[in-house]
Amino acid sequence: MPRKSLTDRRAEKLAQLDAIRKELAALETKAGERLGRLALKAGLADLDLNDDTLLEEFRAIAGRFRSPPNGAQPEQAAAPAPPAPPA
């Protein structure tokens, strides 16, 4: 079997790259839909908050669940979560 030309090998790799990009986009869409459903269930859609405020709060939530950097103790890595508002 003759060796494939550079053009053919390049085209194959570009096709693989395109397929991987589409797969990543689908994964991000699926994750976004999941988070959206959870936000709706939590009642976030009913709150009058702008995107910047919501993003800041989502980042704070993510920070509480990330591993501490450089072996720091969990208390040093993030401030404790504020108490839940009374129901």
N, C-alpha and C. Protein backbone atom coordinates (compact mmCIF):
# COMPACT_ATOMS: atom_id res chain seq x y z
N MET A 1 0.85 -1.17 0.00
CA MET A 1 0.00 0.00 0.00
C MET A 1 0.90 1.24 0.00
N PRO A 2 0.66 2.16 -0.94
CA PRO A 2 1.52 3.36 -1.00
C PRO A 2 1.26 4.28 0.18
N ARG A 3 2.29 4.98 0.52
CA ARG A 3 2.21 5.93 1.62
C ARG A 3 1.29 7.09 1.23
N LYS A 4 0.49 7.56 2.21
CA LYS A 4 -0.43 8.67 1.94
C LYS A 4 0.37 9.97 1.82
N SER A 5 -0.13 10.84 1.01
CA SER A 5 0.55 12.13 0.83
C SER A 5 0.32 13.00 2.06
N LEU A 6 1.14 13.99 2.19
CA LEU A 6 0.99 14.94 3.29
C LEU A 6 -0.39 15.59 3.24
N THR A 7 -0.86 15.91 2.07
CA THR A 7 -2.18 16.53 1.92
C THR A 7 -3.27 15.61 2.46
N ASP A 8 -3.17 14.32 2.14
CA ASP A 8 -4.17 13.35 2.63
C ASP A 8 -4.10 13.19 4.14
N ARG A 9 -2.89 13.07 4.68
CA ARG A 9 -2.74 12.91 6.13
C ARG A 9 -3.21 14.17 6.85
N ARG A 10 -2.90 15.32 6.29
CA ARG A 10 -3.34 16.59 6.90
C ARG A 10 -4.86 16.68 6.89
N ALA A 11 -5.47 16.31 5.80
CA ALA A 11 -6.93 16.35 5.70
C ALA A 11 -7.57 15.41 6.73
N GLU A 12 -7.00 14.24 6.93
CA GLU A 12 -7.51 13.29 7.93
C GLU A 12 -7.42 13.89 9.34
N LYS A 13 -6.29 14.47 9.65
CA LYS A 13 -6.11 15.07 10.98
C LYS A 13 -7.04 16.26 11.20
N LEU A 14 -7.24 17.06 10.18
CA LEU A 14 -8.17 18.18 10.29
C LEU A 14 -9.60 17.68 10.49
N ALA A 15 -9.95 16.60 9.83
CA ALA A 15 -11.28 16.01 10.02
C ALA A 15 -11.44 15.48 11.44
N GLN A 16 -10.39 14.84 11.97
CA GLN A 16 -10.42 14.36 13.36
C GLN A 16 -10.55 15.53 14.32
N LEU A 17 -9.81 16.59 14.07
CA LEU A 17 -9.87 17.78 14.92
C LEU A 17 -11.26 18.40 14.90
N ASP A 18 -11.86 18.47 13.74
CA ASP A 18 -13.22 19.00 13.62
C ASP A 18 -14.21 18.13 14.40
N ALA A 19 -14.06 16.82 14.32
CA ALA A 19 -14.95 15.91 15.05
C ALA A 19 -14.79 16.09 16.56
N ILE A 20 -13.56 16.27 17.02
CA ILE A 20 -13.31 16.48 18.45
C ILE A 20 -13.89 17.81 18.90
N ARG A 21 -13.76 18.85 18.09
CA ARG A 21 -14.35 20.14 18.44
C ARG A 21 -15.87 20.04 18.57
N LYS A 22 -16.49 19.31 17.66
CA LYS A 22 -17.94 19.12 17.72
C LYS A 22 -18.32 18.33 18.97
N GLU A 23 -17.52 17.33 19.32
CA GLU A 23 -17.78 16.54 20.52
C GLU A 23 -17.66 17.41 21.78
N LEU A 24 -16.64 18.26 21.83
CA LEU A 24 -16.48 19.17 22.96
C LEU A 24 -17.65 20.14 23.06
N ALA A 25 -18.10 20.66 21.93
CA ALA A 25 -19.24 21.57 21.93
C ALA A 25 -20.49 20.88 22.45
N ALA A 26 -20.68 19.63 22.06
CA ALA A 26 -21.84 18.86 22.54
C ALA A 26 -21.75 18.62 24.04
N LEU A 27 -20.55 18.34 24.54
CA LEU A 27 -20.37 18.14 25.99
C LEU A 27 -20.67 19.43 26.75
N GLU A 28 -20.21 20.56 26.23
CA GLU A 28 -20.47 21.84 26.88
C GLU A 28 -21.96 22.17 26.86
N THR A 29 -22.62 21.87 25.77
CA THR A 29 -24.06 22.11 25.67
C THR A 29 -24.80 21.26 26.70
N LYS A 30 -24.42 19.99 26.79
CA LYS A 30 -25.07 19.09 27.74
C LYS A 30 -24.85 19.56 29.18
N ALA A 31 -23.64 19.99 29.50
CA ALA A 31 -23.35 20.49 30.85
C ALA A 31 -24.13 21.77 31.13
N GLY A 32 -24.22 22.65 30.15
CA GLY A 32 -24.97 23.89 30.31
C GLY A 32 -26.45 23.63 30.54
N GLU A 33 -26.99 22.67 29.81
CA GLU A 33 -28.41 22.32 30.00
C GLU A 33 -28.64 21.76 31.40
N ARG A 34 -27.71 20.95 31.86
CA ARG A 34 -27.82 20.37 33.21
C ARG A 34 -27.81 21.47 34.26
N LEU A 35 -26.84 22.38 34.15
CA LEU A 35 -26.75 23.47 35.12
C LEU A 35 -27.98 24.38 35.04
N GLY A 36 -28.48 24.59 33.84
CA GLY A 36 -29.67 25.41 33.68
C GLY A 36 -30.88 24.79 34.36
N ARG A 37 -31.05 23.48 34.20
CA ARG A 37 -32.16 22.79 34.87
C ARG A 37 -32.04 22.91 36.38
N LEU A 38 -30.82 22.73 36.89
CA LEU A 38 -30.61 22.83 38.33
C LEU A 38 -30.87 24.26 38.83
N ALA A 39 -30.45 25.24 38.06
CA ALA A 39 -30.68 26.64 38.45
C ALA A 39 -32.18 26.94 38.48
N LEU A 40 -32.92 26.42 37.52
CA LEU A 40 -34.37 26.60 37.53
C LEU A 40 -35.01 25.95 38.75
N LYS A 41 -34.56 24.73 39.04
CA LYS A 41 -35.10 24.03 40.22
C LYS A 41 -34.80 24.78 41.51
N ALA A 42 -33.64 25.43 41.56
CA ALA A 42 -33.24 26.18 42.75
C ALA A 42 -33.94 27.53 42.84
N GLY A 43 -34.64 27.92 41.80
CA GLY A 43 -35.36 29.19 41.81
C GLY A 43 -34.55 30.39 41.37
N LEU A 44 -33.40 30.17 40.75
CA LEU A 44 -32.56 31.30 40.33
C LEU A 44 -33.21 32.14 39.24
N ALA A 45 -34.07 31.53 38.45
CA ALA A 45 -34.72 32.28 37.37
C ALA A 45 -35.70 33.32 37.92
N ASP A 46 -36.16 33.12 39.14
CA ASP A 46 -37.11 34.05 39.75
C ASP A 46 -36.43 35.24 40.43
N LEU A 47 -35.13 35.19 40.56
CA LEU A 47 -34.39 36.27 41.22
C LEU A 47 -34.02 37.35 40.22
N ASP A 48 -34.05 38.58 40.66
CA ASP A 48 -33.70 39.70 39.80
C ASP A 48 -32.21 40.00 39.97
N LEU A 49 -31.36 39.14 39.39
CA LEU A 49 -29.91 39.29 39.49
C LEU A 49 -29.33 39.44 38.10
N ASN A 50 -28.32 40.29 37.98
CA ASN A 50 -27.69 40.44 36.67
C ASN A 50 -26.66 39.33 36.46
N ASP A 51 -26.20 39.18 35.25
CA ASP A 51 -25.28 38.09 34.91
C ASP A 51 -23.98 38.17 35.70
N ASP A 52 -23.47 39.38 35.92
CA ASP A 52 -22.21 39.52 36.66
C ASP A 52 -22.35 39.00 38.08
N THR A 53 -23.46 39.29 38.74
CA THR A 53 -23.69 38.82 40.10
C THR A 53 -23.81 37.30 40.12
N LEU A 54 -24.58 36.75 39.18
CA LEU A 54 -24.72 35.30 39.12
C LEU A 54 -23.38 34.62 38.86
N LEU A 55 -22.60 35.16 37.93
CA LEU A 55 -21.29 34.58 37.64
C LEU A 55 -20.39 34.61 38.86
N GLU A 56 -20.40 35.71 39.58
CA GLU A 56 -19.59 35.82 40.80
C GLU A 56 -20.00 34.75 41.82
N GLU A 57 -21.29 34.55 41.98
CA GLU A 57 -21.77 33.55 42.93
C GLU A 57 -21.45 32.13 42.47
N PHE A 58 -21.57 31.87 41.17
CA PHE A 58 -21.21 30.55 40.65
C PHE A 58 -19.72 30.28 40.87
N ARG A 59 -18.89 31.29 40.68
CA ARG A 59 -17.45 31.13 40.91
C ARG A 59 -17.18 30.85 42.39
N ALA A 60 -17.90 31.50 43.27
CA ALA A 60 -17.73 31.25 44.71
C ALA A 60 -18.12 29.81 45.05
N ILE A 61 -19.20 29.34 44.45
CA ILE A 61 -19.62 27.95 44.69
C ILE A 61 -18.55 26.99 44.18
N ALA A 62 -18.06 27.22 42.97
CA ALA A 62 -17.02 26.36 42.41
C ALA A 62 -15.77 26.37 43.29
N GLY A 63 -15.41 27.54 43.82
CA GLY A 63 -14.23 27.65 44.68
C GLY A 63 -14.34 26.83 45.94
N ARG A 64 -15.54 26.67 46.46
CA ARG A 64 -15.73 25.88 47.68
C ARG A 64 -15.47 24.40 47.43
N PHE A 65 -15.59 23.94 46.20
CA PHE A 65 -15.45 22.52 45.90
C PHE A 65 -14.15 22.17 45.21
N ARG A 66 -13.34 23.15 44.89
CA ARG A 66 -12.05 22.87 44.25
C ARG A 66 -11.03 22.44 45.29
N SER A 67 -10.04 21.69 44.84
CA SER A 67 -8.95 21.28 45.73
C SER A 67 -8.13 22.50 46.10
N PRO A 68 -7.63 22.54 47.33
CA PRO A 68 -6.81 23.69 47.73
C PRO A 68 -5.51 23.72 46.92
N PRO A 69 -5.03 24.91 46.58
CA PRO A 69 -3.80 25.02 45.79
C PRO A 69 -2.57 24.73 46.64
N ASN A 70 -1.59 24.11 46.04
CA ASN A 70 -0.26 23.89 46.63
C ASN A 70 -0.30 23.25 48.01
N GLY A 71 -1.21 22.32 48.23
CA GLY A 71 -1.24 21.60 49.49
C GLY A 71 -1.71 22.41 50.68
N ALA A 72 -2.29 23.57 50.46
CA ALA A 72 -2.78 24.39 51.56
C ALA A 72 -3.94 23.68 52.26
N GLN A 73 -4.11 24.01 53.49
CA GLN A 73 -5.24 23.46 54.23
C GLN A 73 -6.53 24.02 53.67
N PRO A 74 -7.63 23.26 53.69
CA PRO A 74 -8.89 23.75 53.14
C PRO A 74 -9.32 25.09 53.75
N GLU A 75 -9.01 25.33 55.01
CA GLU A 75 -9.39 26.59 55.65
C GLU A 75 -8.65 27.77 55.02
N GLN A 76 -7.43 27.52 54.53
CA GLN A 76 -6.63 28.56 53.92
C GLN A 76 -7.02 28.80 52.46
N ALA A 77 -7.59 27.80 51.82
CA ALA A 77 -7.86 27.88 50.40
C ALA A 77 -9.07 28.74 50.08
N ALA A 78 -10.10 28.67 50.90
CA ALA A 78 -11.32 29.42 50.60
C ALA A 78 -11.99 29.82 51.90
N ALA A 79 -12.67 30.92 51.85
CA ALA A 79 -13.42 31.38 53.02
C ALA A 79 -14.59 30.43 53.24
N PRO A 80 -15.03 30.29 54.48
CA PRO A 80 -16.16 29.41 54.72
C PRO A 80 -17.41 29.95 54.05
N ALA A 81 -18.30 29.03 53.75
CA ALA A 81 -19.55 29.43 53.10
C ALA A 81 -20.41 30.23 54.07
N PRO A 82 -21.08 31.26 53.57
CA PRO A 82 -21.95 32.04 54.45
C PRO A 82 -23.13 31.17 54.91
N PRO A 83 -23.68 31.49 56.07
CA PRO A 83 -24.80 30.68 56.54
C PRO A 83 -26.00 30.84 55.62
N ALA A 84 -26.80 29.78 55.54
CA ALA A 84 -27.99 29.80 54.69
C ALA A 84 -29.03 30.75 55.30
N PRO A 85 -29.73 31.48 54.43
CA PRO A 85 -30.76 32.39 54.95
C PRO A 85 -31.90 31.59 55.59
N PRO A 86 -32.54 32.18 56.58
CA PRO A 86 -33.64 31.46 57.23
C PRO A 86 -34.76 31.21 56.24
N ALA A 87 -35.40 30.08 56.42
CA ALA A 87 -36.47 29.69 55.49
C ALA A 87 -37.79 30.31 55.87
